[in-house]
Protein backbone atom coordinates (compact mmCIF):
# COMPACT_ATOMS: atom_id res chain seq x y z
CA MET A 1 12.33 12.82 -6.98
CA PRO A 2 8.77 11.42 -6.90
CA ARG A 3 6.02 13.26 -5.10
CA VAL A 4 2.87 12.23 -3.29
CA ASP A 5 -0.20 14.44 -3.63
CA ILE A 6 -2.41 14.48 -0.54
CA PRO A 7 -6.15 15.20 -0.96
CA ALA A 8 -7.73 17.96 1.12
CA PRO A 9 -9.62 15.58 3.46
CA TYR A 10 -6.28 13.96 4.46
CA ARG A 11 -4.26 17.12 5.04
CA GLY A 12 -4.92 17.31 8.79
CA PRO A 13 -2.03 14.97 9.62
CA THR A 14 0.22 16.71 7.05
CA ARG A 15 -0.57 20.09 8.60
CA GLY A 16 -1.93 21.34 5.30
CA GLU A 17 0.86 20.03 3.07
CA ALA A 18 -0.61 19.04 -0.29
CA VAL A 19 2.50 17.86 -2.13
CA ILE A 20 5.26 15.88 -0.44
CA GLN A 21 8.57 15.05 -2.11
CA VAL A 22 9.78 11.50 -1.35
CA ASP A 23 12.74 9.25 -2.13
CA GLY A 24 10.76 6.04 -2.76
CA THR A 25 11.32 3.83 -5.78
CA THR A 26 7.89 2.13 -5.70
CA VAL A 27 4.37 3.37 -5.00
CA GLY A 28 4.44 1.51 -1.67
CA ASP A 29 7.80 3.02 -0.67
CA CYS A 30 6.44 6.50 -1.40
CA LEU A 31 3.25 5.95 0.58
CA ARG A 32 5.11 4.41 3.53
CA GLU A 33 7.58 7.30 3.61
CA VAL A 34 4.72 9.80 3.79
CA VAL A 35 2.75 7.92 6.46
CA ASP A 36 5.94 7.45 8.51
CA ARG A 37 6.61 11.18 8.28
CA TYR A 38 3.08 12.29 9.28
CA GLU A 39 1.51 10.64 12.30
CA GLY A 40 -2.17 9.83 11.80
CA LEU A 41 -2.02 9.65 8.00
CA GLY A 42 -1.41 5.90 7.89
CA GLU A 43 -4.79 5.03 9.37
CA LEU A 44 -6.47 7.03 6.60
CA VAL A 45 -4.65 5.09 3.86
CA PHE A 46 -3.85 1.60 5.19
CA ASP A 47 -5.80 -1.04 7.12
CA ALA A 48 -4.37 -2.94 10.10
CA ASP A 49 -2.75 -5.48 7.76
CA GLY A 50 -0.96 -2.81 5.72
CA ALA A 51 -3.25 -3.03 2.68
CA VAL A 52 -4.62 0.13 1.07
CA LEU A 53 -8.15 0.77 2.35
CA ARG A 54 -10.87 -0.16 -0.13
CA PHE A 55 -12.20 3.40 -0.46
CA VAL A 56 -8.77 4.86 -1.25
CA LYS A 57 -7.91 5.20 -4.93
CA LEU A 58 -4.31 5.47 -6.15
CA PHE A 59 -3.07 7.18 -9.30
CA VAL A 60 0.39 7.43 -10.85
CA ASN A 61 0.85 10.27 -13.31
CA GLY A 62 -2.92 10.59 -13.68
CA GLU A 63 -3.58 6.90 -14.37
CA GLN A 64 -5.52 4.90 -11.79
CA ILE A 65 -3.68 1.83 -10.53
CA GLU A 66 -4.87 -1.14 -8.50
CA ARG A 67 -4.70 -0.73 -4.72
CA THR A 68 -2.53 -3.83 -4.68
CA ALA A 69 0.07 -2.41 -7.11
CA LEU A 70 2.29 -1.07 -4.35
CA ASP A 71 5.35 -2.62 -6.00
CA MET A 72 4.90 -0.48 -9.14
CA PRO A 73 8.16 1.41 -9.78
CA VAL A 74 8.28 5.21 -9.72
CA SER A 75 11.13 7.63 -10.33
CA GLY A 76 12.08 11.15 -11.26
CA ASP A 77 9.08 13.41 -11.66
CA ASP A 78 6.44 10.73 -11.11
CA GLU A 79 3.36 11.80 -9.18
CA VAL A 80 1.51 9.46 -6.82
CA LEU A 81 -1.96 10.72 -5.97
CA ILE A 82 -4.01 9.44 -3.07
CA LEU A 83 -7.69 10.02 -3.72
CA ALA A 84 -10.18 9.65 -0.92
CA ALA A 85 -13.52 8.34 -2.16
CA ILE A 86 -16.20 10.37 -0.42
CA ALA A 87 -19.61 8.79 0.03
CA GLY A 88 -22.72 10.89 0.18
CA GLY A 89 -26.32 10.28 0.89
């Protein structure tokens, strides 16, 4: 069963959960399952049109993927990581 790793800045909506097991078969399925499960998380990951926000980075098994690669298949022990790019100044 794939899992989605949630970065610390996004754990408010997940009530502190860092790793969430999902049934999805693509990156997009996994992300949608998590945002459907945790109210408020979707607005941190997706824009109003359902695209991944430009400052959100996605990784599968440690390899960065394009934000548009939501149809990439996942299975078994695959890990989808959402990484929030933090700007400083």
